[in-house]
């Protein structure tokens, strides 16, 4: 499939890729969650992030368009974290998963 033809297919699931930075973010979120809130709470939050990844695979445009970036970046939140991602053809690329208190444009730009 090419272009954005997946929008017309009701049960089409796109590929999901996590950047090295996003994988690092997930490890840090898990470690911080265990330290600050315990394993059960951290597990629940990680499960919530997994569910959002599933949503993005089924509906890549679910997140809000972020106009402060020159690239077409979107975001989806699971408090207190924000998933920053791009939609490219039949693929969702998750670039970062950052705490909402962080400066999103600055954090994202320094990785680009």
PDB file of N, CA and C in Angstrom:
ATOM      1  N   UNK A   1       0.828  -1.171   0.000  1.00  0.00           N
ATOM      2  CA  UNK A   1       0.000   0.000   0.000  1.00  0.00           C
ATOM      3  C   UNK A   1       0.872   1.235   0.000  1.00  0.00           C
ATOM      4  N   UNK A   2       0.459   2.265  -0.676  1.00  0.00           N
ATOM      5  CA  UNK A   2       1.256   3.484  -0.671  1.00  0.00           C
ATOM      6  C   UNK A   2       0.380   4.658  -0.257  1.00  0.00           C
ATOM      7  N   UNK A   3       1.022   5.770   0.025  1.00  0.00           N
ATOM      8  CA  UNK A   3       0.288   6.952   0.433  1.00  0.00           C
ATOM      9  C   UNK A   3      -0.459   6.744   1.726  1.00  0.00           C
ATOM     10  N   UNK A   4      -1.639   7.294   1.800  1.00  0.00           N
ATOM     11  CA  UNK A   4      -2.447   7.194   3.012  1.00  0.00           C
ATOM     12  C   UNK A   4      -3.682   6.328   2.777  1.00  0.00           C
ATOM     13  N   UNK A   5      -3.524   5.302   1.982  1.00  0.00           N
ATOM     14  CA  UNK A   5      -4.652   4.438   1.645  1.00  0.00           C
ATOM     15  C   UNK A   5      -5.205   3.691   2.848  1.00  0.00           C
ATOM     16  N   UNK A   6      -4.417   3.564   3.939  1.00  0.00           N
ATOM     17  CA  UNK A   6      -4.880   2.867   5.131  1.00  0.00           C
ATOM     18  C   UNK A   6      -6.093   3.534   5.746  1.00  0.00           C
ATOM     19  N   UNK A   7      -6.299   4.827   5.492  1.00  0.00           N
ATOM     20  CA  UNK A   7      -7.453   5.532   6.065  1.00  0.00           C
ATOM     21  C   UNK A   7      -8.776   4.939   5.578  1.00  0.00           C
ATOM     22  N   UNK A   8      -8.758   4.350   4.409  1.00  0.00           N
ATOM     23  CA  UNK A   8      -9.986   3.820   3.835  1.00  0.00           C
ATOM     24  C   UNK A   8     -10.270   2.391   4.269  1.00  0.00           C
ATOM     25  N   UNK A   9      -9.342   1.775   4.942  1.00  0.00           N
ATOM     26  CA  UNK A   9      -9.516   0.384   5.343  1.00  0.00           C
ATOM     27  C   UNK A   9      -9.876   0.311   6.820  1.00  0.00           C
ATOM     28  N   UNK A  10     -11.090  -0.123   7.156  1.00  0.00           N
ATOM     29  CA  UNK A  10     -11.544  -0.077   8.545  1.00  0.00           C
ATOM     30  C   UNK A  10     -10.743  -0.935   9.517  1.00  0.00           C
ATOM     31  N   UNK A  11     -10.185  -2.041   9.087  1.00  0.00           N
ATOM     32  CA  UNK A  11      -9.461  -2.919  10.004  1.00  0.00           C
ATOM     33  C   UNK A  11      -7.965  -2.951   9.736  1.00  0.00           C
ATOM     34  N   UNK A  12      -7.466  -1.987   8.982  1.00  0.00           N
ATOM     35  CA  UNK A  12      -6.045  -1.961   8.656  1.00  0.00           C
ATOM     36  C   UNK A  12      -5.240  -1.475   9.861  1.00  0.00           C
ATOM     37  N   UNK A  13      -4.141  -2.144  10.115  1.00  0.00           N
ATOM     38  CA  UNK A  13      -3.262  -1.782  11.220  1.00  0.00           C
ATOM     39  C   UNK A  13      -1.915  -1.404  10.626  1.00  0.00           C
ATOM     40  N   UNK A  14      -1.408  -0.242  10.995  1.00  0.00           N
ATOM     41  CA  UNK A  14      -0.124   0.205  10.472  1.00  0.00           C
ATOM     42  C   UNK A  14       1.014  -0.277  11.363  1.00  0.00           C
ATOM     43  N   UNK A  15       2.203  -0.249  10.802  1.00  0.00           N
ATOM     44  CA  UNK A  15       3.411  -0.628  11.545  1.00  0.00           C
ATOM     45  C   UNK A  15       3.739   0.461  12.567  1.00  0.00           C
ATOM     46  N   UNK A  16       4.236   0.055  13.704  1.00  0.00           N
ATOM     47  CA  UNK A  16       4.624   0.988  14.761  1.00  0.00           C
ATOM     48  C   UNK A  16       6.110   0.795  15.043  1.00  0.00           C
ATOM     49  N   UNK A  17       6.859   1.883  14.982  1.00  0.00           N
ATOM     50  CA  UNK A  17       8.298   1.825  15.268  1.00  0.00           C
ATOM     51  C   UNK A  17       8.637   2.813  16.370  1.00  0.00           C
ATOM     52  N   UNK A  18       9.467   2.379  17.292  1.00  0.00           N
ATOM     53  CA  UNK A  18       9.941   3.253  18.365  1.00  0.00           C
ATOM     54  C   UNK A  18      11.404   3.592  18.117  1.00  0.00           C
ATOM     55  N   UNK A  19      11.729   4.870  18.225  1.00  0.00           N
ATOM     56  CA  UNK A  19      13.114   5.299  18.066  1.00  0.00           C
ATOM     57  C   UNK A  19      13.940   4.817  19.253  1.00  0.00           C
ATOM     58  N   UNK A  20      15.244   4.908  19.121  1.00  0.00           N
ATOM     59  CA  UNK A  20      16.140   4.572  20.225  1.00  0.00           C
ATOM     60  C   UNK A  20      15.824   5.466  21.422  1.00  0.00           C
ATOM     61  N   UNK A  21      15.570   6.748  21.159  1.00  0.00           N
ATOM     62  CA  UNK A  21      15.241   7.684  22.245  1.00  0.00           C
ATOM     63  C   UNK A  21      13.934   7.292  22.934  1.00  0.00           C
ATOM     64  N   UNK A  22      12.928   6.861  22.167  1.00  0.00           N
ATOM     65  CA  UNK A  22      11.647   6.451  22.757  1.00  0.00           C
ATOM     66  C   UNK A  22      11.812   5.194  23.606  1.00  0.00           C
ATOM     67  N   UNK A  23      12.629   4.257  23.149  1.00  0.00           N
ATOM     68  CA  UNK A  23      12.894   3.053  23.946  1.00  0.00           C
ATOM     69  C   UNK A  23      13.609   3.416  25.247  1.00  0.00           C
ATOM     70  N   UNK A  24      14.544   4.346  25.154  1.00  0.00           N
ATOM     71  CA  UNK A  24      15.239   4.833  26.353  1.00  0.00           C
ATOM     72  C   UNK A  24      14.243   5.515  27.295  1.00  0.00           C
ATOM     73  N   UNK A  25      13.333   6.306  26.714  1.00  0.00           N
ATOM     74  CA  UNK A  25      12.298   6.969  27.523  1.00  0.00           C
ATOM     75  C   UNK A  25      11.456   5.940  28.266  1.00  0.00           C
ATOM     76  N   UNK A  26      11.041   4.874  27.575  1.00  0.00           N
ATOM     77  CA  UNK A  26      10.222   3.835  28.208  1.00  0.00           C
ATOM     78  C   UNK A  26      10.946   3.176  29.379  1.00  0.00           C
ATOM     79  N   UNK A  27      12.219   2.882  29.192  1.00  0.00           N
ATOM     80  CA  UNK A  27      12.994   2.280  30.293  1.00  0.00           C
ATOM     81  C   UNK A  27      13.060   3.220  31.492  1.00  0.00           C
ATOM     82  N   UNK A  28      13.248   4.519  31.217  1.00  0.00           N
ATOM     83  CA  UNK A  28      13.337   5.497  32.300  1.00  0.00           C
ATOM     84  C   UNK A  28      11.984   5.686  32.985  1.00  0.00           C
ATOM     85  N   UNK A  29      10.910   5.722  32.203  1.00  0.00           N
ATOM     86  CA  UNK A  29       9.561   5.842  32.767  1.00  0.00           C
ATOM     87  C   UNK A  29       9.282   4.665  33.696  1.00  0.00           C
ATOM     88  N   UNK A  30       9.643   3.478  33.257  1.00  0.00           N
ATOM     89  CA  UNK A  30       9.437   2.269  34.075  1.00  0.00           C
ATOM     90  C   UNK A  30      10.234   2.356  35.376  1.00  0.00           C
ATOM     91  N   UNK A  31      11.512   2.696  35.275  1.00  0.00           N
ATOM     92  CA  UNK A  31      12.369   2.780  36.468  1.00  0.00           C
ATOM     93  C   UNK A  31      11.882   3.863  37.428  1.00  0.00           C
ATOM     94  N   UNK A  32      11.538   5.034  36.892  1.00  0.00           N
ATOM     95  CA  UNK A  32      11.039   6.127  37.739  1.00  0.00           C
ATOM     96  C   UNK A  32       9.716   5.748  38.388  1.00  0.00           C
ATOM     97  N   UNK A  33       8.851   5.077  37.632  1.00  0.00           N
ATOM     98  CA  UNK A  33       7.557   4.666  38.165  1.00  0.00           C
ATOM     99  C   UNK A  33       7.690   3.691  39.321  1.00  0.00           C
ATOM    100  N   UNK A  34       8.578   2.726  39.179  1.00  0.00           N
ATOM    101  CA  UNK A  34       8.805   1.765  40.267  1.00  0.00           C
ATOM    102  C   UNK A  34       9.356   2.486  41.489  1.00  0.00           C
ATOM    103  N   UNK A  35      10.337   3.355  41.268  1.00  0.00           N
ATOM    104  CA  UNK A  35      10.956   4.079  42.380  1.00  0.00           C
ATOM    105  C   UNK A  35       9.949   4.988  43.100  1.00  0.00           C
ATOM    106  N   UNK A  36       9.149   5.712  42.342  1.00  0.00           N
ATOM    107  CA  UNK A  36       8.269   6.727  42.931  1.00  0.00           C
ATOM    108  C   UNK A  36       6.899   6.209  43.360  1.00  0.00           C
ATOM    109  N   UNK A  37       6.382   5.186  42.668  1.00  0.00           N
ATOM    110  CA  UNK A  37       5.001   4.764  42.913  1.00  0.00           C
ATOM    111  C   UNK A  37       4.821   3.273  43.170  1.00  0.00           C
ATOM    112  N   UNK A  38       5.876   2.492  42.966  1.00  0.00           N
ATOM    113  CA  UNK A  38       5.786   1.051  43.162  1.00  0.00           C
ATOM    114  C   UNK A  38       5.560   0.313  41.854  1.00  0.00           C
ATOM    115  N   UNK A  39       5.829  -0.985  41.885  1.00  0.00           N
ATOM    116  CA  UNK A  39       5.756  -1.811  40.678  1.00  0.00           C
ATOM    117  C   UNK A  39       4.343  -1.895  40.102  1.00  0.00           C
ATOM    118  N   UNK A  40       3.331  -2.014  40.957  1.00  0.00           N
ATOM    119  CA  UNK A  40       1.956  -2.159  40.458  1.00  0.00           C
ATOM    120  C   UNK A  40       1.512  -0.911  39.695  1.00  0.00           C
ATOM    121  N   UNK A  41       1.785   0.254  40.251  1.00  0.00           N
ATOM    122  CA  UNK A  41       1.407   1.501  39.581  1.00  0.00           C
ATOM    123  C   UNK A  41       2.200   1.680  38.289  1.00  0.00           C
ATOM    124  N   UNK A  42       3.474   1.331  38.333  1.00  0.00           N
ATOM    125  CA  UNK A  42       4.300   1.429  37.133  1.00  0.00           C
ATOM    126  C   UNK A  42       3.793   0.480  36.050  1.00  0.00           C
ATOM    127  N   UNK A  43       3.428  -0.737  36.444  1.00  0.00           N
ATOM    128  CA  UNK A  43       2.863  -1.702  35.490  1.00  0.00           C
ATOM    129  C   UNK A  43       1.585  -1.164  34.852  1.00  0.00           C
ATOM    130  N   UNK A  44       0.733  -0.555  35.656  1.00  0.00           N
ATOM    131  CA  UNK A  44      -0.531  -0.011  35.146  1.00  0.00           C
ATOM    132  C   UNK A  44      -0.271   1.103  34.134  1.00  0.00           C
ATOM    133  N   UNK A  45       0.695   1.955  34.429  1.00  0.00           N
ATOM    134  CA  UNK A  45       1.014   3.053  33.511  1.00  0.00           C
ATOM    135  C   UNK A  45       1.614   2.505  32.209  1.00  0.00           C
ATOM    136  N   UNK A  46       2.493   1.526  32.314  1.00  0.00           N
ATOM    137  CA  UNK A  46       3.088   0.933  31.116  1.00  0.00           C
ATOM    138  C   UNK A  46       2.017   0.250  30.262  1.00  0.00           C
ATOM    139  N   UNK A  47       1.042  -0.384  30.905  1.00  0.00           N
ATOM    140  CA  UNK A  47      -0.068  -0.994  30.181  1.00  0.00           C
ATOM    141  C   UNK A  47      -0.879   0.078  29.453  1.00  0.00           C
ATOM    142  N   UNK A  48      -1.080   1.214  30.100  1.00  0.00           N
ATOM    143  CA  UNK A  48      -1.771   2.325  29.454  1.00  0.00           C
ATOM    144  C   UNK A  48      -1.030   2.811  28.216  1.00  0.00           C
ATOM    145  N   UNK A  49       0.289   2.896  28.305  1.00  0.00           N
ATOM    146  CA  UNK A  49       1.084   3.289  27.136  1.00  0.00           C
ATOM    147  C   UNK A  49       0.958   2.247  26.027  1.00  0.00           C
ATOM    148  N   UNK A  50       0.987   0.974  26.387  1.00  0.00           N
ATOM    149  CA  UNK A  50       0.803  -0.098  25.394  1.00  0.00           C
ATOM    150  C   UNK A  50      -0.538   0.034  24.685  1.00  0.00           C
ATOM    151  N   UNK A  51      -1.571   0.363  25.437  1.00  0.00           N
ATOM    152  CA  UNK A  51      -2.906   0.538  24.834  1.00  0.00           C
ATOM    153  C   UNK A  51      -2.910   1.705  23.851  1.00  0.00           C
ATOM    154  N   UNK A  52      -2.201   2.788  24.204  1.00  0.00           N
ATOM    155  CA  UNK A  52      -2.116   3.918  23.277  1.00  0.00           C
ATOM    156  C   UNK A  52      -1.347   3.530  22.017  1.00  0.00           C
ATOM    157  N   UNK A  53      -0.322   2.704  22.156  1.00  0.00           N
ATOM    158  CA  UNK A  53       0.395   2.229  20.971  1.00  0.00           C
ATOM    159  C   UNK A  53      -0.562   1.452  20.065  1.00  0.00           C
ATOM    160  N   UNK A  54      -1.416   0.634  20.657  1.00  0.00           N
ATOM    161  CA  UNK A  54      -2.413  -0.099  19.881  1.00  0.00           C
ATOM    162  C   UNK A  54      -3.383   0.836  19.179  1.00  0.00           C
ATOM    163  N   UNK A  55      -3.812   1.876  19.879  1.00  0.00           N
ATOM    164  CA  UNK A  55      -4.696   2.873  19.273  1.00  0.00           C
ATOM    165  C   UNK A  55      -4.022   3.526  18.074  1.00  0.00           C
ATOM    166  N   UNK A  56      -2.753   3.879  18.218  1.00  0.00           N
ATOM    167  CA  UNK A  56      -2.031   4.518  17.114  1.00  0.00           C
ATOM    168  C   UNK A  56      -1.872   3.579  15.923  1.00  0.00           C
ATOM    169  N   UNK A  57      -1.725   2.301  16.169  1.00  0.00           N
ATOM    170  CA  UNK A  57      -1.624   1.335  15.065  1.00  0.00           C
ATOM    171  C   UNK A  57      -2.942   1.256  14.292  1.00  0.00           C
ATOM    172  N   UNK A  58      -4.052   1.401  14.992  1.00  0.00           N
ATOM    173  CA  UNK A  58      -5.372   1.331  14.347  1.00  0.00           C
ATOM    174  C   UNK A  58      -5.836   2.684  13.821  1.00  0.00           C
ATOM    175  N   UNK A  59      -5.428   3.754  14.480  1.00  0.00           N
ATOM    176  CA  UNK A  59      -5.869   5.096  14.113  1.00  0.00           C
ATOM    177  C   UNK A  59      -4.697   6.068  14.255  1.00  0.00           C
ATOM    178  N   UNK A  60      -3.814   6.105  13.260  1.00  0.00           N
ATOM    179  CA  UNK A  60      -2.608   6.920  13.355  1.00  0.00           C
ATOM    180  C   UNK A  60      -2.846   8.417  13.561  1.00  0.00           C
ATOM    181  N   UNK A  61      -4.003   8.906  13.185  1.00  0.00           N
ATOM    182  CA  UNK A  61      -4.273  10.338  13.330  1.00  0.00           C
ATOM    183  C   UNK A  61      -4.992  10.669  14.633  1.00  0.00           C
ATOM    184  N   UNK A  62      -4.992   9.742  15.583  1.00  0.00           N
ATOM    185  CA  UNK A  62      -5.691   9.950  16.859  1.00  0.00           C
ATOM    186  C   UNK A  62      -5.109  11.106  17.657  1.00  0.00           C
ATOM    187  N   UNK A  63      -3.822  11.323  17.536  1.00  0.00           N
ATOM    188  CA  UNK A  63      -3.173  12.384  18.308  1.00  0.00           C
ATOM    189  C   UNK A  63      -3.386  13.759  17.708  1.00  0.00           C
ATOM    190  N   UNK A  64      -3.054  14.744  18.497  1.00  0.00           N
ATOM    191  CA  UNK A  64      -3.206  16.141  18.097  1.00  0.00           C
ATOM    192  C   UNK A  64      -1.996  16.593  17.285  1.00  0.00           C
ATOM    193  N   UNK A  65      -2.237  17.321  16.196  1.00  0.00           N
ATOM    194  CA  UNK A  65      -1.151  17.877  15.375  1.00  0.00           C
ATOM    195  C   UNK A  65      -0.442  18.948  16.182  1.00  0.00           C
ATOM    196  N   UNK A  66       0.886  18.922  16.178  1.00  0.00           N
ATOM    197  CA  UNK A  66       1.706  19.893  16.904  1.00  0.00           C
ATOM    198  C   UNK A  66       2.274  20.877  15.893  1.00  0.00           C
ATOM    199  N   UNK A  67       1.728  22.084  15.871  1.00  0.00           N
ATOM    200  CA  UNK A  67       2.102  23.061  14.860  1.00  0.00           C
ATOM    201  C   UNK A  67       3.383  23.821  15.187  1.00  0.00           C
ATOM    202  N   UNK A  68       3.944  23.612  16.381  1.00  0.00           N
ATOM    203  CA  UNK A  68       5.181  24.313  16.716  1.00  0.00           C
ATOM    204  C   UNK A  68       6.407  23.676  16.062  1.00  0.00           C
ATOM    205  N   UNK A  69       6.218  22.563  15.375  1.00  0.00           N
ATOM    206  CA  UNK A  69       7.316  21.878  14.704  1.00  0.00           C
ATOM    207  C   UNK A  69       7.221  22.078  13.202  1.00  0.00           C
ATOM    208  N   UNK A  70       8.364  22.100  12.537  1.00  0.00           N
ATOM    209  CA  UNK A  70       8.343  22.211  11.077  1.00  0.00           C
ATOM    210  C   UNK A  70       7.939  20.880  10.446  1.00  0.00           C
ATOM    211  N   UNK A  71       8.270  19.774  11.094  1.00  0.00           N
ATOM    212  CA  UNK A  71       7.862  18.451  10.624  1.00  0.00           C
ATOM    213  C   UNK A  71       6.422  18.184  11.069  1.00  0.00           C
ATOM    214  N   UNK A  72       5.721  17.294  10.388  1.00  0.00           N
ATOM    215  CA  UNK A  72       4.352  16.959  10.806  1.00  0.00           C
ATOM    216  C   UNK A  72       4.349  16.016  12.020  1.00  0.00           C
ATOM    217  N   UNK A  73       4.471  16.585  13.196  1.00  0.00           N
ATOM    218  CA  UNK A  73       4.521  15.827  14.447  1.00  0.00           C
ATOM    219  C   UNK A  73       3.146  15.853  15.101  1.00  0.00           C
ATOM    220  N   UNK A  74       2.769  14.736  15.706  1.00  0.00           N
ATOM    221  CA  UNK A  74       1.514  14.628  16.441  1.00  0.00           C
ATOM    222  C   UNK A  74       1.838  14.192  17.860  1.00  0.00           C
ATOM    223  N   UNK A  75       0.884  14.388  18.783  1.00  0.00           N
ATOM    224  CA  UNK A  75       1.103  13.930  20.159  1.00  0.00           C
ATOM    225  C   UNK A  75      -0.180  13.341  20.725  1.00  0.00           C
ATOM    226  N   UNK A  76       0.028  12.410  21.639  1.00  0.00           N
ATOM    227  CA  UNK A  76      -1.062  11.752  22.344  1.00  0.00           C
ATOM    228  C   UNK A  76      -0.613  11.620  23.789  1.00  0.00           C
ATOM    229  N   UNK A  77      -1.507  11.916  24.724  1.00  0.00           N
ATOM    230  CA  UNK A  77      -1.109  11.947  26.133  1.00  0.00           C
ATOM    231  C   UNK A  77      -1.711  10.825  26.959  1.00  0.00           C
ATOM    232  N   UNK A  78      -0.911  10.352  27.879  1.00  0.00           N
ATOM    233  CA  UNK A  78      -1.336   9.506  28.986  1.00  0.00           C
ATOM    234  C   UNK A  78      -0.624  10.116  30.182  1.00  0.00           C
ATOM    235  N   UNK A  79      -1.348  10.934  30.905  1.00  0.00           N
ATOM    236  CA  UNK A  79      -0.718  11.714  31.973  1.00  0.00           C
ATOM    237  C   UNK A  79       0.061  10.837  32.919  1.00  0.00           C
ATOM    238  N   UNK A  80       1.250  11.275  33.243  1.00  0.00           N
ATOM    239  CA  UNK A  80       1.852  12.570  32.955  1.00  0.00           C
ATOM    240  C   UNK A  80       2.780  12.559  31.737  1.00  0.00           C
ATOM    241  N   UNK A  81       2.611  11.634  30.815  1.00  0.00           N
ATOM    242  CA  UNK A  81       3.514  11.537  29.671  1.00  0.00           C
ATOM    243  C   UNK A  81       2.823  11.867  28.357  1.00  0.00           C
ATOM    244  N   UNK A  82       3.641  12.288  27.425  1.00  0.00           N
ATOM    245  CA  UNK A  82       3.165  12.651  26.097  1.00  0.00           C
ATOM    246  C   UNK A  82       3.978  11.874  25.063  1.00  0.00           C
ATOM    247  N   UNK A  83       3.277  11.206  24.160  1.00  0.00           N
ATOM    248  CA  UNK A  83       3.917  10.470  23.068  1.00  0.00           C
ATOM    249  C   UNK A  83       4.017  11.413  21.874  1.00  0.00           C
ATOM    250  N   UNK A  84       5.228  11.614  21.376  1.00  0.00           N
ATOM    251  CA  UNK A  84       5.450  12.431  20.178  1.00  0.00           C
ATOM    252  C   UNK A  84       5.753  11.485  19.025  1.00  0.00           C
ATOM    253  N   UNK A  85       5.006  11.630  17.932  1.00  0.00           N
ATOM    254  CA  UNK A  85       5.152  10.680  16.830  1.00  0.00           C
ATOM    255  C   UNK A  85       4.873  11.328  15.489  1.00  0.00           C
ATOM    256  N   UNK A  86       5.285  10.622  14.436  1.00  0.00           N
ATOM    257  CA  UNK A  86       5.041  11.043  13.059  1.00  0.00           C
ATOM    258  C   UNK A  86       4.352   9.906  12.312  1.00  0.00           C
ATOM    259  N   UNK A  87       3.494  10.272  11.376  1.00  0.00           N
ATOM    260  CA  UNK A  87       2.805   9.294  10.530  1.00  0.00           C
ATOM    261  C   UNK A  87       3.417   9.393   9.142  1.00  0.00           C
ATOM    262  N   UNK A  88       3.925   8.264   8.651  1.00  0.00           N
ATOM    263  CA  UNK A  88       4.562   8.213   7.336  1.00  0.00           C
ATOM    264  C   UNK A  88       4.034   7.001   6.592  1.00  0.00           C
ATOM    265  N   UNK A  89       3.252   7.231   5.554  1.00  0.00           N
ATOM    266  CA  UNK A  89       2.666   6.147   4.769  1.00  0.00           C
ATOM    267  C   UNK A  89       1.963   5.150   5.692  1.00  0.00           C
ATOM    268  N   UNK A  90       2.401   3.900   5.710  1.00  0.00           N
ATOM    269  CA  UNK A  90       1.769   2.867   6.543  1.00  0.00           C
ATOM    270  C   UNK A  90       2.560   2.619   7.821  1.00  0.00           C
ATOM    271  N   UNK A  91       3.106   3.681   8.396  1.00  0.00           N
ATOM    272  CA  UNK A  91       3.968   3.519   9.562  1.00  0.00           C
ATOM    273  C   UNK A  91       3.771   4.681  10.536  1.00  0.00           C
ATOM    274  N   UNK A  92       3.764   4.356  11.821  1.00  0.00           N
ATOM    275  CA  UNK A  92       3.793   5.361  12.881  1.00  0.00           C
ATOM    276  C   UNK A  92       5.169   5.263  13.521  1.00  0.00           C
ATOM    277  N   UNK A  93       5.887   6.377  13.544  1.00  0.00           N
ATOM    278  CA  UNK A  93       7.214   6.421  14.162  1.00  0.00           C
ATOM    279  C   UNK A  93       7.123   7.214  15.457  1.00  0.00           C
ATOM    280  N   UNK A  94       7.308   6.533  16.575  1.00  0.00           N
ATOM    281  CA  UNK A  94       7.290   7.205  17.872  1.00  0.00           C
ATOM    282  C   UNK A  94       8.696   7.710  18.145  1.00  0.00           C
ATOM    283  N   UNK A  95       8.808   9.030  18.263  1.00  0.00           N
ATOM    284  CA  UNK A  95      10.115   9.655  18.441  1.00  0.00           C
ATOM    285  C   UNK A  95      10.509   9.789  19.904  1.00  0.00           C
ATOM    286  N   UNK A  96       9.573  10.214  20.740  1.00  0.00           N
ATOM    287  CA  UNK A  96       9.864  10.412  22.163  1.00  0.00           C
ATOM    288  C   UNK A  96       8.612  10.150  22.983  1.00  0.00           C
ATOM    289  N   UNK A  97       8.816   9.829  24.257  1.00  0.00           N
ATOM    290  CA  UNK A  97       7.738   9.718  25.236  1.00  0.00           C
ATOM    291  C   UNK A  97       8.239  10.508  26.433  1.00  0.00           C
ATOM    292  N   UNK A  98       7.721  11.720  26.592  1.00  0.00           N
ATOM    293  CA  UNK A  98       8.295  12.620  27.590  1.00  0.00           C
ATOM    294  C   UNK A  98       7.263  13.061  28.622  1.00  0.00           C
ATOM    295  N   UNK A  99       7.761  13.464  29.761  1.00  0.00           N
ATOM    296  CA  UNK A  99       6.913  13.963  30.840  1.00  0.00           C
ATOM    297  C   UNK A  99       6.315  15.295  30.406  1.00  0.00           C
ATOM    298  N   UNK A 100       5.055  15.517  30.745  1.00  0.00           N
ATOM    299  CA  UNK A 100       4.364  16.730  30.312  1.00  0.00           C
ATOM    300  C   UNK A 100       4.988  18.004  30.870  1.00  0.00           C
ATOM    301  N   UNK A 101       5.745  17.909  31.965  1.00  0.00           N
ATOM    302  CA  UNK A 101       6.373  19.094  32.548  1.00  0.00           C
ATOM    303  C   UNK A 101       7.584  19.563  31.741  1.00  0.00           C
ATOM    304  N   UNK A 102       8.104  18.707  30.876  1.00  0.00           N
ATOM    305  CA  UNK A 102       9.274  19.082  30.080  1.00  0.00           C
ATOM    306  C   UNK A 102       8.874  19.974  28.921  1.00  0.00           C
ATOM    307  N   UNK A 103       9.816  20.747  28.444  1.00  0.00           N
ATOM    308  CA  UNK A 103       9.617  21.622  27.292  1.00  0.00           C
ATOM    309  C   UNK A 103       9.589  20.738  26.040  1.00  0.00           C
ATOM    310  N   UNK A 104       8.401  20.494  25.523  1.00  0.00           N
ATOM    311  CA  UNK A 104       8.234  19.559  24.410  1.00  0.00           C
ATOM    312  C   UNK A 104       9.022  19.987  23.172  1.00  0.00           C
ATOM    313  N   UNK A 105       8.851  21.210  22.661  1.00  0.00           N
ATOM    314  CA  UNK A 105       9.603  21.575  21.452  1.00  0.00           C
ATOM    315  C   UNK A 105      11.120  21.487  21.644  1.00  0.00           C
ATOM    316  N   UNK A 106      11.601  21.940  22.771  1.00  0.00           N
ATOM    317  CA  UNK A 106      13.045  21.920  23.017  1.00  0.00           C
ATOM    318  C   UNK A 106      13.565  20.479  23.098  1.00  0.00           C
ATOM    319  N   UNK A 107      12.866  19.629  23.818  1.00  0.00           N
ATOM    320  CA  UNK A 107      13.273  18.231  23.960  1.00  0.00           C
ATOM    321  C   UNK A 107      13.262  17.527  22.613  1.00  0.00           C
ATOM    322  N   UNK A 108      12.225  17.763  21.842  1.00  0.00           N
ATOM    323  CA  UNK A 108      12.102  17.095  20.545  1.00  0.00           C
ATOM    324  C   UNK A 108      13.160  17.593  19.567  1.00  0.00           C
ATOM    325  N   UNK A 109      13.373  18.898  19.510  1.00  0.00           N
ATOM    326  CA  UNK A 109      14.328  19.470  18.557  1.00  0.00           C
ATOM    327  C   UNK A 109      15.753  19.021  18.825  1.00  0.00           C
ATOM    328  N   UNK A 110      16.138  18.891  20.079  1.00  0.00           N
ATOM    329  CA  UNK A 110      17.529  18.516  20.354  1.00  0.00           C
ATOM    330  C   UNK A 110      17.830  17.087  19.906  1.00  0.00           C
ATOM    331  N   UNK A 111      16.789  16.285  19.697  1.00  0.00           N
ATOM    332  CA  UNK A 111      16.972  14.912  19.219  1.00  0.00           C
ATOM    333  C   UNK A 111      17.022  14.829  17.697  1.00  0.00           C
ATOM    334  N   UNK A 112      16.584  15.856  17.033  1.00  0.00           N
ATOM    335  CA  UNK A 112      16.494  15.811  15.567  1.00  0.00           C
ATOM    336  C   UNK A 112      17.800  16.166  14.903  1.00  0.00           C
TER     337      UNK A 112
END
